[in-house]
Amino acid sequence: MSVHPQATGRRERNKQAKLERITAAARELFAEHGVDEVTTQQIADKADIGTGTLFLYARNKGELLLLVQNSGYAEALAGGSASAEAIAETLQAVMAIIRPVVECNRVQVENGRTYLREMIFGDPAEPHHRDALGLTLQTEEAIAAVLRRDPRIEPGDAATIAHIISAIMFLAMAAPHHVGSTVAQILAGIMDQVRVLLPR
């Protein structure tokens, strides 16, 4: 009788447990001090692993930030998409998707802005970067699904409009003049722009 499947299962569980410790440690330290003030050594120490092990999961702080923010983004998007399903009015349903994503990105403003820079300029072959880009596509797909429910919007136009709305959201979060803006102010600006795109 082979024990290989059990060994593989144990190894995968150990890897997952380390990943969860790394993510929790990085999330806590980044939230408390900001990504620029935290070292990889501090994260490794808090996660109770060696720095060599840490670098097996993320090669640098940028990738660690992607790992942390991706987790929050995925939860925010899932929650927003679920909320949107229960809202009939198109603009409000779209904003139900956008609102938690913006809130997640603004928990720590500089971390959120650094995350967006990493998303744009990071290595697309790196798994956490690839996951971040995948989340942007999922955001567009969720918005497009809402738009397709609106009989005034041509089904073929839904994906294009969703792409524009996604761009509006990301630019609003990244814009330098919004560094001091509140979540409510950013959302109000996004809503004003999205309203213009939708049929009246």
N, C-alpha and C. Protein backbone atom coordinates (compact mmCIF):
# COMPACT_ATOMS: atom_id res chain seq x y z
N MET A 1 0.85 -1.20 0.00
CA MET A 1 0.00 0.00 0.00
C MET A 1 0.88 1.25 0.00
N SER A 2 0.63 2.17 -0.93
CA SER A 2 1.46 3.35 -1.08
C SER A 2 1.03 4.45 -0.10
N VAL A 3 2.02 5.15 0.45
CA VAL A 3 1.71 6.28 1.33
C VAL A 3 1.95 7.59 0.60
N HIS A 4 2.29 7.51 -0.68
CA HIS A 4 2.62 8.72 -1.44
C HIS A 4 1.49 9.75 -1.43
N PRO A 5 0.22 9.36 -1.66
CA PRO A 5 -0.85 10.38 -1.64
C PRO A 5 -0.95 11.09 -0.30
N GLN A 6 -0.75 10.33 0.82
CA GLN A 6 -0.81 10.97 2.13
C GLN A 6 0.33 11.96 2.31
N ALA A 7 1.54 11.55 1.82
CA ALA A 7 2.70 12.45 1.94
C ALA A 7 2.46 13.72 1.13
N THR A 8 1.93 13.53 -0.07
CA THR A 8 1.64 14.69 -0.91
C THR A 8 0.61 15.59 -0.25
N GLY A 9 -0.44 14.97 0.32
CA GLY A 9 -1.47 15.75 1.00
C GLY A 9 -0.92 16.52 2.18
N ARG A 10 -0.02 15.90 2.95
CA ARG A 10 0.57 16.56 4.10
C ARG A 10 1.45 17.72 3.64
N ARG A 11 2.22 17.48 2.60
CA ARG A 11 3.11 18.51 2.07
C ARG A 11 2.29 19.71 1.59
N GLU A 12 1.19 19.45 0.90
CA GLU A 12 0.35 20.54 0.41
C GLU A 12 -0.30 21.30 1.56
N ARG A 13 -0.71 20.56 2.58
CA ARG A 13 -1.31 21.23 3.75
C ARG A 13 -0.28 22.11 4.45
N ASN A 14 0.96 21.62 4.55
CA ASN A 14 2.02 22.41 5.17
C ASN A 14 2.30 23.68 4.36
N LYS A 15 2.33 23.52 3.03
CA LYS A 15 2.56 24.69 2.16
C LYS A 15 1.44 25.70 2.32
N GLN A 16 0.20 25.20 2.37
CA GLN A 16 -0.94 26.09 2.51
C GLN A 16 -0.92 26.80 3.86
N ALA A 17 -0.54 26.07 4.91
CA ALA A 17 -0.47 26.67 6.24
C ALA A 17 0.59 27.77 6.27
N LYS A 18 1.74 27.54 5.64
CA LYS A 18 2.79 28.57 5.59
C LYS A 18 2.31 29.78 4.79
N LEU A 19 1.64 29.52 3.68
CA LEU A 19 1.13 30.62 2.87
C LEU A 19 0.15 31.46 3.68
N GLU A 20 -0.72 30.81 4.44
CA GLU A 20 -1.69 31.54 5.26
C GLU A 20 -0.99 32.36 6.34
N ARG A 21 0.06 31.80 6.95
CA ARG A 21 0.81 32.55 7.97
C ARG A 21 1.52 33.75 7.35
N ILE A 22 2.10 33.55 6.19
CA ILE A 22 2.79 34.65 5.49
C ILE A 22 1.78 35.75 5.15
N THR A 23 0.65 35.36 4.59
CA THR A 23 -0.37 36.33 4.20
C THR A 23 -0.88 37.11 5.41
N ALA A 24 -1.15 36.40 6.50
CA ALA A 24 -1.65 37.06 7.72
C ALA A 24 -0.60 38.01 8.29
N ALA A 25 0.66 37.57 8.31
CA ALA A 25 1.73 38.41 8.85
C ALA A 25 1.92 39.66 8.00
N ALA A 26 1.97 39.48 6.69
CA ALA A 26 2.16 40.62 5.79
C ALA A 26 0.97 41.57 5.88
N ARG A 27 -0.24 41.02 5.93
CA ARG A 27 -1.44 41.87 6.00
C ARG A 27 -1.39 42.74 7.26
N GLU A 28 -1.07 42.13 8.39
CA GLU A 28 -1.05 42.86 9.65
C GLU A 28 0.04 43.94 9.66
N LEU A 29 1.23 43.58 9.21
CA LEU A 29 2.33 44.55 9.22
C LEU A 29 2.12 45.67 8.21
N PHE A 30 1.64 45.33 7.01
CA PHE A 30 1.38 46.36 6.00
C PHE A 30 0.28 47.31 6.47
N ALA A 31 -0.76 46.77 7.10
CA ALA A 31 -1.87 47.62 7.58
C ALA A 31 -1.40 48.56 8.69
N GLU A 32 -0.52 48.05 9.55
CA GLU A 32 -0.07 48.84 10.69
C GLU A 32 0.97 49.89 10.31
N HIS A 33 1.91 49.52 9.43
CA HIS A 33 3.06 50.39 9.15
C HIS A 33 3.12 50.91 7.72
N GLY A 34 2.38 50.30 6.79
CA GLY A 34 2.52 50.65 5.37
C GLY A 34 3.60 49.80 4.73
N VAL A 35 3.41 49.48 3.48
CA VAL A 35 4.32 48.55 2.80
C VAL A 35 5.75 49.06 2.76
N ASP A 36 5.94 50.37 2.64
CA ASP A 36 7.30 50.91 2.52
C ASP A 36 8.11 50.79 3.80
N GLU A 37 7.43 50.70 4.95
CA GLU A 37 8.12 50.68 6.24
C GLU A 37 8.35 49.26 6.78
N VAL A 38 7.92 48.25 6.04
CA VAL A 38 8.02 46.87 6.51
C VAL A 38 9.11 46.14 5.72
N THR A 39 9.90 45.33 6.40
CA THR A 39 10.93 44.54 5.72
C THR A 39 10.45 43.10 5.56
N THR A 40 11.04 42.42 4.60
CA THR A 40 10.72 41.00 4.42
C THR A 40 11.15 40.20 5.65
N GLN A 41 12.20 40.63 6.31
CA GLN A 41 12.64 39.93 7.52
C GLN A 41 11.58 40.02 8.62
N GLN A 42 10.96 41.19 8.76
CA GLN A 42 9.89 41.34 9.75
C GLN A 42 8.72 40.41 9.45
N ILE A 43 8.39 40.30 8.17
CA ILE A 43 7.28 39.42 7.77
C ILE A 43 7.64 37.96 8.06
N ALA A 44 8.86 37.57 7.70
CA ALA A 44 9.30 36.19 7.95
C ALA A 44 9.28 35.89 9.44
N ASP A 45 9.76 36.83 10.24
CA ASP A 45 9.78 36.62 11.70
C ASP A 45 8.36 36.46 12.25
N LYS A 46 7.46 37.32 11.79
CA LYS A 46 6.08 37.27 12.29
C LYS A 46 5.39 35.98 11.85
N ALA A 47 5.74 35.50 10.66
CA ALA A 47 5.15 34.26 10.14
C ALA A 47 5.85 33.02 10.69
N ASP A 48 6.95 33.25 11.44
CA ASP A 48 7.73 32.17 12.05
C ASP A 48 8.32 31.22 11.00
N ILE A 49 8.91 31.85 9.97
CA ILE A 49 9.61 31.08 8.93
C ILE A 49 10.91 31.81 8.61
N GLY A 50 11.79 31.14 7.90
CA GLY A 50 13.02 31.77 7.45
C GLY A 50 12.77 32.62 6.22
N THR A 51 13.65 33.60 5.98
CA THR A 51 13.48 34.45 4.80
C THR A 51 13.61 33.64 3.52
N GLY A 52 14.45 32.61 3.54
CA GLY A 52 14.56 31.75 2.35
C GLY A 52 13.24 31.09 2.01
N THR A 53 12.54 30.65 3.04
CA THR A 53 11.21 30.06 2.82
C THR A 53 10.23 31.11 2.31
N LEU A 54 10.30 32.30 2.89
CA LEU A 54 9.42 33.38 2.46
C LEU A 54 9.56 33.63 0.96
N PHE A 55 10.80 33.63 0.48
CA PHE A 55 11.04 33.93 -0.93
C PHE A 55 10.59 32.82 -1.87
N LEU A 56 10.26 31.67 -1.33
CA LEU A 56 9.65 30.62 -2.16
C LEU A 56 8.21 30.97 -2.50
N TYR A 57 7.59 31.81 -1.67
CA TYR A 57 6.19 32.19 -1.85
C TYR A 57 6.04 33.55 -2.53
N ALA A 58 7.00 34.42 -2.32
CA ALA A 58 6.98 35.75 -2.93
C ALA A 58 8.42 36.26 -2.95
N ARG A 59 8.84 36.76 -4.11
CA ARG A 59 10.25 37.14 -4.28
C ARG A 59 10.61 38.49 -3.67
N ASN A 60 9.61 39.32 -3.41
CA ASN A 60 9.89 40.65 -2.88
C ASN A 60 8.63 41.21 -2.22
N LYS A 61 8.74 42.42 -1.67
CA LYS A 61 7.60 43.02 -0.98
C LYS A 61 6.44 43.31 -1.93
N GLY A 62 6.77 43.67 -3.17
CA GLY A 62 5.71 43.94 -4.13
C GLY A 62 4.83 42.72 -4.33
N GLU A 63 5.47 41.55 -4.45
CA GLU A 63 4.69 40.33 -4.62
C GLU A 63 3.92 39.98 -3.35
N LEU A 64 4.51 40.27 -2.19
CA LEU A 64 3.79 40.05 -0.94
C LEU A 64 2.56 40.94 -0.85
N LEU A 65 2.71 42.18 -1.29
CA LEU A 65 1.57 43.09 -1.28
C LEU A 65 0.48 42.59 -2.23
N LEU A 66 0.88 42.11 -3.41
CA LEU A 66 -0.10 41.54 -4.34
C LEU A 66 -0.83 40.38 -3.68
N LEU A 67 -0.08 39.52 -3.01
CA LEU A 67 -0.68 38.37 -2.33
C LEU A 67 -1.74 38.83 -1.33
N VAL A 68 -1.40 39.80 -0.51
CA VAL A 68 -2.31 40.29 0.53
C VAL A 68 -3.51 40.99 -0.09
N GLN A 69 -3.26 41.91 -0.99
CA GLN A 69 -4.35 42.70 -1.57
C GLN A 69 -5.26 41.85 -2.45
N ASN A 70 -4.69 40.87 -3.16
CA ASN A 70 -5.51 39.99 -3.99
C ASN A 70 -6.57 39.28 -3.15
N SER A 71 -6.16 38.85 -1.97
CA SER A 71 -7.08 38.14 -1.09
C SER A 71 -8.26 39.04 -0.71
N GLY A 72 -7.96 40.28 -0.32
CA GLY A 72 -9.02 41.22 0.04
C GLY A 72 -9.88 41.60 -1.16
N TYR A 73 -9.22 41.79 -2.30
CA TYR A 73 -9.93 42.16 -3.53
C TYR A 73 -10.92 41.06 -3.91
N ALA A 74 -10.46 39.80 -3.86
CA ALA A 74 -11.33 38.68 -4.24
C ALA A 74 -12.57 38.62 -3.34
N GLU A 75 -12.38 38.83 -2.04
CA GLU A 75 -13.51 38.83 -1.11
C GLU A 75 -14.46 39.99 -1.40
N ALA A 76 -13.89 41.16 -1.66
CA ALA A 76 -14.70 42.35 -1.95
C ALA A 76 -15.51 42.15 -3.23
N LEU A 77 -14.88 41.60 -4.25
CA LEU A 77 -15.56 41.39 -5.52
C LEU A 77 -16.67 40.36 -5.38
N ALA A 78 -16.40 39.30 -4.64
CA ALA A 78 -17.43 38.28 -4.43
C ALA A 78 -18.63 38.86 -3.70
N GLY A 79 -18.37 39.65 -2.66
CA GLY A 79 -19.45 40.27 -1.91
C GLY A 79 -20.24 41.26 -2.74
N GLY A 80 -19.52 42.08 -3.51
CA GLY A 80 -20.19 43.07 -4.36
C GLY A 80 -21.03 42.42 -5.44
N SER A 81 -20.51 41.36 -6.04
CA SER A 81 -21.25 40.65 -7.09
C SER A 81 -22.52 40.03 -6.53
N ALA A 82 -22.43 39.47 -5.33
CA ALA A 82 -23.62 38.88 -4.70
C ALA A 82 -24.66 39.96 -4.41
N SER A 83 -24.21 41.11 -3.93
CA SER A 83 -25.14 42.21 -3.65
C SER A 83 -25.81 42.70 -4.92
N ALA A 84 -25.05 42.77 -6.01
CA ALA A 84 -25.58 43.28 -7.28
C ALA A 84 -26.70 42.42 -7.83
N GLU A 85 -26.66 41.14 -7.53
CA GLU A 85 -27.69 40.24 -8.05
C GLU A 85 -29.08 40.60 -7.55
N ALA A 86 -29.14 41.21 -6.38
CA ALA A 86 -30.44 41.54 -5.78
C ALA A 86 -30.91 42.96 -6.11
N ILE A 87 -30.14 43.69 -6.94
CA ILE A 87 -30.47 45.09 -7.26
C ILE A 87 -30.90 45.17 -8.72
N ALA A 88 -32.09 45.65 -8.96
CA ALA A 88 -32.62 45.70 -10.32
C ALA A 88 -32.08 46.88 -11.12
N GLU A 89 -31.91 48.03 -10.48
CA GLU A 89 -31.49 49.24 -11.19
C GLU A 89 -30.02 49.12 -11.60
N THR A 90 -29.72 49.37 -12.87
CA THR A 90 -28.41 49.07 -13.43
C THR A 90 -27.29 49.85 -12.75
N LEU A 91 -27.43 51.16 -12.63
CA LEU A 91 -26.36 51.97 -12.04
C LEU A 91 -26.08 51.52 -10.61
N GLN A 92 -27.14 51.30 -9.82
CA GLN A 92 -26.95 50.89 -8.43
C GLN A 92 -26.32 49.50 -8.33
N ALA A 93 -26.67 48.62 -9.26
CA ALA A 93 -26.09 47.28 -9.26
C ALA A 93 -24.60 47.33 -9.61
N VAL A 94 -24.25 48.17 -10.58
CA VAL A 94 -22.83 48.34 -10.94
C VAL A 94 -22.06 48.90 -9.75
N MET A 95 -22.63 49.89 -9.09
CA MET A 95 -21.95 50.50 -7.95
C MET A 95 -21.84 49.52 -6.78
N ALA A 96 -22.76 48.58 -6.69
CA ALA A 96 -22.68 47.56 -5.63
C ALA A 96 -21.44 46.68 -5.82
N ILE A 97 -21.04 46.48 -7.07
CA ILE A 97 -19.81 45.73 -7.36
C ILE A 97 -18.59 46.59 -7.06
N ILE A 98 -18.63 47.84 -7.48
CA ILE A 98 -17.49 48.73 -7.36
C ILE A 98 -17.20 49.14 -5.91
N ARG A 99 -18.26 49.41 -5.15
CA ARG A 99 -18.10 49.97 -3.79
C ARG A 99 -17.15 49.15 -2.91
N PRO A 100 -17.35 47.84 -2.73
CA PRO A 100 -16.44 47.11 -1.84
C PRO A 100 -15.01 47.00 -2.37
N VAL A 101 -14.84 47.05 -3.68
CA VAL A 101 -13.49 47.01 -4.26
C VAL A 101 -12.75 48.29 -3.90
N VAL A 102 -13.42 49.43 -4.05
CA VAL A 102 -12.81 50.71 -3.68
C VAL A 102 -12.53 50.75 -2.19
N GLU A 103 -13.47 50.30 -1.38
CA GLU A 103 -13.28 50.28 0.07
C GLU A 103 -12.07 49.43 0.45
N CYS A 104 -11.95 48.28 -0.18
CA CYS A 104 -10.82 47.38 0.08
C CYS A 104 -9.50 48.06 -0.29
N ASN A 105 -9.48 48.73 -1.42
CA ASN A 105 -8.25 49.37 -1.89
C ASN A 105 -7.85 50.53 -1.00
N ARG A 106 -8.81 51.14 -0.32
CA ARG A 106 -8.52 52.34 0.49
C ARG A 106 -8.36 52.06 1.98
N VAL A 107 -8.29 50.80 2.38
CA VAL A 107 -8.08 50.50 3.80
C VAL A 107 -6.80 51.16 4.28
N GLN A 108 -5.76 51.07 3.47
CA GLN A 108 -4.49 51.77 3.73
C GLN A 108 -4.12 52.40 2.39
N VAL A 109 -4.26 53.70 2.27
CA VAL A 109 -4.22 54.38 0.97
C VAL A 109 -2.94 54.09 0.19
N GLU A 110 -1.78 54.23 0.82
CA GLU A 110 -0.53 54.03 0.09
C GLU A 110 -0.36 52.57 -0.32
N ASN A 111 -0.79 51.65 0.53
CA ASN A 111 -0.74 50.24 0.13
C ASN A 111 -1.60 50.00 -1.10
N GLY A 112 -2.80 50.61 -1.09
CA GLY A 112 -3.70 50.45 -2.22
C GLY A 112 -3.12 51.01 -3.51
N ARG A 113 -2.48 52.17 -3.40
CA ARG A 113 -1.89 52.79 -4.60
C ARG A 113 -0.68 51.97 -5.08
N THR A 114 0.12 51.46 -4.13
CA THR A 114 1.26 50.64 -4.51
C THR A 114 0.79 49.35 -5.17
N TYR A 115 -0.30 48.79 -4.68
CA TYR A 115 -0.88 47.58 -5.27
C TYR A 115 -1.24 47.83 -6.74
N LEU A 116 -1.86 48.96 -7.01
CA LEU A 116 -2.24 49.27 -8.39
C LEU A 116 -1.01 49.43 -9.28
N ARG A 117 0.07 50.04 -8.75
CA ARG A 117 1.31 50.16 -9.52
C ARG A 117 1.92 48.79 -9.80
N GLU A 118 1.92 47.93 -8.77
CA GLU A 118 2.45 46.59 -8.96
C GLU A 118 1.64 45.82 -10.00
N MET A 119 0.34 46.02 -9.96
CA MET A 119 -0.55 45.35 -10.90
C MET A 119 -0.22 45.74 -12.35
N ILE A 120 0.06 47.02 -12.53
CA ILE A 120 0.32 47.54 -13.88
C ILE A 120 1.74 47.22 -14.35
N PHE A 121 2.72 47.43 -13.48
CA PHE A 121 4.12 47.35 -13.90
C PHE A 121 4.84 46.08 -13.46
N GLY A 122 4.18 45.23 -12.68
CA GLY A 122 4.83 44.02 -12.20
C GLY A 122 5.04 42.98 -13.30
N ASP A 123 5.69 41.91 -12.93
CA ASP A 123 6.01 40.82 -13.86
C ASP A 123 4.76 39.98 -14.11
N PRO A 124 4.20 40.00 -15.34
CA PRO A 124 2.96 39.27 -15.60
C PRO A 124 3.12 37.75 -15.50
N ALA A 125 4.37 37.27 -15.49
CA ALA A 125 4.59 35.83 -15.36
C ALA A 125 4.56 35.39 -13.89
N GLU A 126 4.63 36.35 -12.97
CA GLU A 126 4.64 36.04 -11.55
C GLU A 126 3.21 35.69 -11.11
N PRO A 127 3.03 34.60 -10.36
CA PRO A 127 1.67 34.12 -10.05
C PRO A 127 0.76 35.14 -9.35
N HIS A 128 1.29 35.90 -8.38
CA HIS A 128 0.43 36.85 -7.67
C HIS A 128 0.02 38.00 -8.59
N HIS A 129 0.92 38.39 -9.48
CA HIS A 129 0.60 39.43 -10.47
C HIS A 129 -0.46 38.90 -11.43
N ARG A 130 -0.28 37.66 -11.86
CA ARG A 130 -1.26 37.05 -12.77
C ARG A 130 -2.63 36.98 -12.10
N ASP A 131 -2.65 36.65 -10.81
CA ASP A 131 -3.92 36.60 -10.08
C ASP A 131 -4.57 37.99 -10.02
N ALA A 132 -3.76 39.03 -9.82
CA ALA A 132 -4.28 40.39 -9.76
C ALA A 132 -4.93 40.78 -11.09
N LEU A 133 -4.24 40.46 -12.18
CA LEU A 133 -4.81 40.76 -13.50
C LEU A 133 -6.09 39.96 -13.73
N GLY A 134 -6.10 38.73 -13.23
CA GLY A 134 -7.31 37.91 -13.34
C GLY A 134 -8.48 38.53 -12.61
N LEU A 135 -8.21 39.16 -11.47
CA LEU A 135 -9.27 39.82 -10.71
C LEU A 135 -9.84 41.01 -11.48
N THR A 136 -9.01 41.71 -12.23
CA THR A 136 -9.53 42.83 -13.02
C THR A 136 -10.48 42.32 -14.09
N LEU A 137 -10.14 41.18 -14.69
CA LEU A 137 -11.03 40.59 -15.70
C LEU A 137 -12.33 40.10 -15.07
N GLN A 138 -12.23 39.53 -13.87
CA GLN A 138 -13.44 39.10 -13.17
C GLN A 138 -14.34 40.29 -12.83
N THR A 139 -13.71 41.42 -12.50
CA THR A 139 -14.48 42.63 -12.22
C THR A 139 -15.26 43.06 -13.46
N GLU A 140 -14.58 43.08 -14.59
CA GLU A 140 -15.25 43.45 -15.84
C GLU A 140 -16.38 42.47 -16.16
N GLU A 141 -16.13 41.19 -15.95
CA GLU A 141 -17.16 40.19 -16.25
C GLU A 141 -18.38 40.37 -15.35
N ALA A 142 -18.14 40.69 -14.07
CA ALA A 142 -19.25 40.90 -13.15
C ALA A 142 -20.07 42.12 -13.56
N ILE A 143 -19.39 43.19 -13.95
CA ILE A 143 -20.09 44.40 -14.39
C ILE A 143 -20.84 44.12 -15.69
N ALA A 144 -20.21 43.41 -16.62
CA ALA A 144 -20.86 43.09 -17.89
C ALA A 144 -22.12 42.25 -17.66
N ALA A 145 -22.08 41.36 -16.68
CA ALA A 145 -23.26 40.53 -16.39
C ALA A 145 -24.42 41.40 -15.95
N VAL A 146 -24.13 42.43 -15.15
CA VAL A 146 -25.18 43.37 -14.73
C VAL A 146 -25.71 44.13 -15.94
N LEU A 147 -24.83 44.59 -16.80
CA LEU A 147 -25.25 45.38 -17.96
C LEU A 147 -26.11 44.56 -18.91
N ARG A 148 -25.81 43.27 -19.03
CA ARG A 148 -26.60 42.41 -19.94
C ARG A 148 -28.02 42.23 -19.46
N ARG A 149 -28.28 42.48 -18.19
CA ARG A 149 -29.65 42.37 -17.68
C ARG A 149 -30.50 43.55 -18.13
N ASP A 150 -29.85 44.63 -18.55
CA ASP A 150 -30.57 45.85 -18.93
C ASP A 150 -30.96 45.75 -20.40
N PRO A 151 -32.27 45.70 -20.71
CA PRO A 151 -32.70 45.54 -22.10
C PRO A 151 -32.33 46.72 -23.00
N ARG A 152 -31.97 47.85 -22.40
CA ARG A 152 -31.59 49.02 -23.20
C ARG A 152 -30.16 48.93 -23.72
N ILE A 153 -29.39 47.99 -23.18
CA ILE A 153 -27.98 47.84 -23.58
C ILE A 153 -27.83 46.65 -24.51
N GLU A 154 -27.26 46.90 -25.65
CA GLU A 154 -27.01 45.81 -26.61
C GLU A 154 -26.07 44.80 -25.97
N PRO A 155 -26.37 43.51 -26.05
CA PRO A 155 -25.50 42.49 -25.44
C PRO A 155 -24.05 42.60 -25.90
N GLY A 156 -23.85 42.95 -27.16
CA GLY A 156 -22.48 43.08 -27.66
C GLY A 156 -21.74 44.28 -27.10
N ASP A 157 -22.49 45.25 -26.57
CA ASP A 157 -21.85 46.45 -26.01
C ASP A 157 -21.50 46.29 -24.52
N ALA A 158 -22.08 45.31 -23.87
CA ALA A 158 -21.92 45.17 -22.43
C ALA A 158 -20.46 45.02 -22.01
N ALA A 159 -19.71 44.19 -22.72
CA ALA A 159 -18.30 43.96 -22.36
C ALA A 159 -17.47 45.23 -22.55
N THR A 160 -17.75 45.96 -23.62
CA THR A 160 -17.01 47.20 -23.88
C THR A 160 -17.29 48.25 -22.82
N ILE A 161 -18.56 48.41 -22.47
CA ILE A 161 -18.93 49.38 -21.43
C ILE A 161 -18.32 48.95 -20.09
N ALA A 162 -18.35 47.66 -19.80
CA ALA A 162 -17.77 47.16 -18.55
C ALA A 162 -16.27 47.44 -18.49
N HIS A 163 -15.59 47.32 -19.62
CA HIS A 163 -14.16 47.60 -19.68
C HIS A 163 -13.90 49.07 -19.36
N ILE A 164 -14.74 49.95 -19.91
CA ILE A 164 -14.60 51.39 -19.65
C ILE A 164 -14.87 51.69 -18.17
N ILE A 165 -15.91 51.08 -17.62
CA ILE A 165 -16.25 51.30 -16.20
C ILE A 165 -15.11 50.83 -15.31
N SER A 166 -14.53 49.69 -15.63
CA SER A 166 -13.39 49.17 -14.85
C SER A 166 -12.22 50.15 -14.90
N ALA A 167 -11.96 50.69 -16.09
CA ALA A 167 -10.87 51.67 -16.23
C ALA A 167 -11.14 52.91 -15.40
N ILE A 168 -12.38 53.37 -15.40
CA ILE A 168 -12.77 54.54 -14.59
C ILE A 168 -12.49 54.26 -13.11
N MET A 169 -12.88 53.07 -12.65
CA MET A 169 -12.68 52.71 -11.24
C MET A 169 -11.20 52.70 -10.88
N PHE A 170 -10.37 52.04 -11.70
CA PHE A 170 -8.96 51.93 -11.37
C PHE A 170 -8.25 53.29 -11.45
N LEU A 171 -8.61 54.10 -12.42
CA LEU A 171 -8.01 55.43 -12.50
C LEU A 171 -8.41 56.29 -11.31
N ALA A 172 -9.66 56.16 -10.88
CA ALA A 172 -10.12 56.94 -9.72
C ALA A 172 -9.34 56.54 -8.46
N MET A 173 -9.06 55.26 -8.31
CA MET A 173 -8.33 54.81 -7.12
C MET A 173 -6.86 55.20 -7.18
N ALA A 174 -6.30 55.27 -8.39
CA ALA A 174 -4.86 55.53 -8.54
C ALA A 174 -4.52 57.01 -8.67
N ALA A 175 -5.47 57.84 -9.04
CA ALA A 175 -5.19 59.24 -9.35
C ALA A 175 -4.53 59.97 -8.18
N PRO A 176 -3.42 60.67 -8.44
CA PRO A 176 -2.73 61.40 -7.36
C PRO A 176 -3.62 62.40 -6.63
N HIS A 177 -4.54 63.05 -7.37
CA HIS A 177 -5.39 64.05 -6.71
C HIS A 177 -6.44 63.43 -5.79
N HIS A 178 -6.53 62.07 -5.77
CA HIS A 178 -7.47 61.41 -4.88
C HIS A 178 -6.80 60.84 -3.63
N VAL A 179 -5.50 61.15 -3.45
CA VAL A 179 -4.80 60.61 -2.28
C VAL A 179 -5.53 60.98 -0.99
N GLY A 180 -5.99 62.20 -0.91
CA GLY A 180 -6.68 62.65 0.30
C GLY A 180 -8.19 62.51 0.25
N SER A 181 -8.72 61.94 -0.83
CA SER A 181 -10.17 61.81 -0.96
C SER A 181 -10.70 60.68 -0.10
N THR A 182 -11.93 60.83 0.34
CA THR A 182 -12.59 59.76 1.08
C THR A 182 -13.14 58.73 0.10
N VAL A 183 -13.49 57.56 0.63
CA VAL A 183 -14.13 56.53 -0.20
C VAL A 183 -15.41 57.08 -0.82
N ALA A 184 -16.19 57.81 -0.03
CA ALA A 184 -17.46 58.37 -0.53
C ALA A 184 -17.21 59.33 -1.69
N GLN A 185 -16.18 60.14 -1.59
CA GLN A 185 -15.87 61.09 -2.67
C GLN A 185 -15.44 60.36 -3.94
N ILE A 186 -14.63 59.36 -3.79
CA ILE A 186 -14.19 58.58 -4.96
C ILE A 186 -15.37 57.88 -5.60
N LEU A 187 -16.22 57.27 -4.79
CA LEU A 187 -17.39 56.58 -5.32
C LEU A 187 -18.34 57.54 -6.02
N ALA A 188 -18.51 58.74 -5.47
CA ALA A 188 -19.40 59.73 -6.10
C ALA A 188 -18.87 60.12 -7.47
N GLY A 189 -17.55 60.30 -7.58
CA GLY A 189 -16.95 60.63 -8.88
C GLY A 189 -17.11 59.50 -9.88
N ILE A 190 -16.92 58.28 -9.43
CA ILE A 190 -17.09 57.12 -10.31
C ILE A 190 -18.54 57.04 -10.78
N MET A 191 -19.47 57.21 -9.85
CA MET A 191 -20.89 57.11 -10.20
C MET A 191 -21.29 58.16 -11.23
N ASP A 192 -20.79 59.38 -11.08
CA ASP A 192 -21.10 60.43 -12.04
C ASP A 192 -20.64 60.05 -13.44
N GLN A 193 -19.46 59.42 -13.55
CA GLN A 193 -18.94 59.04 -14.86
C GLN A 193 -19.68 57.83 -15.43
N VAL A 194 -19.99 56.87 -14.57
CA VAL A 194 -20.71 55.67 -15.04
C VAL A 194 -22.11 56.04 -15.50
N ARG A 195 -22.74 56.98 -14.79
CA ARG A 195 -24.10 57.39 -15.15
C ARG A 195 -24.15 57.89 -16.60
N VAL A 196 -23.12 58.59 -17.02
CA VAL A 196 -23.09 59.13 -18.39
C VAL A 196 -23.02 58.01 -19.43
N LEU A 197 -22.40 56.90 -19.06
CA LEU A 197 -22.23 55.78 -20.01
C LEU A 197 -23.50 54.96 -20.20
N LEU A 198 -24.40 55.04 -19.23
CA LEU A 198 -25.57 54.16 -19.26
C LEU A 198 -26.76 54.83 -19.95
N PRO A 199 -27.62 54.01 -20.54
CA PRO A 199 -28.83 54.59 -21.18
C PRO A 199 -29.71 55.28 -20.16
N ARG A 200 -30.41 56.30 -20.63
CA ARG A 200 -31.30 57.03 -19.72
C ARG A 200 -32.74 56.73 -20.07
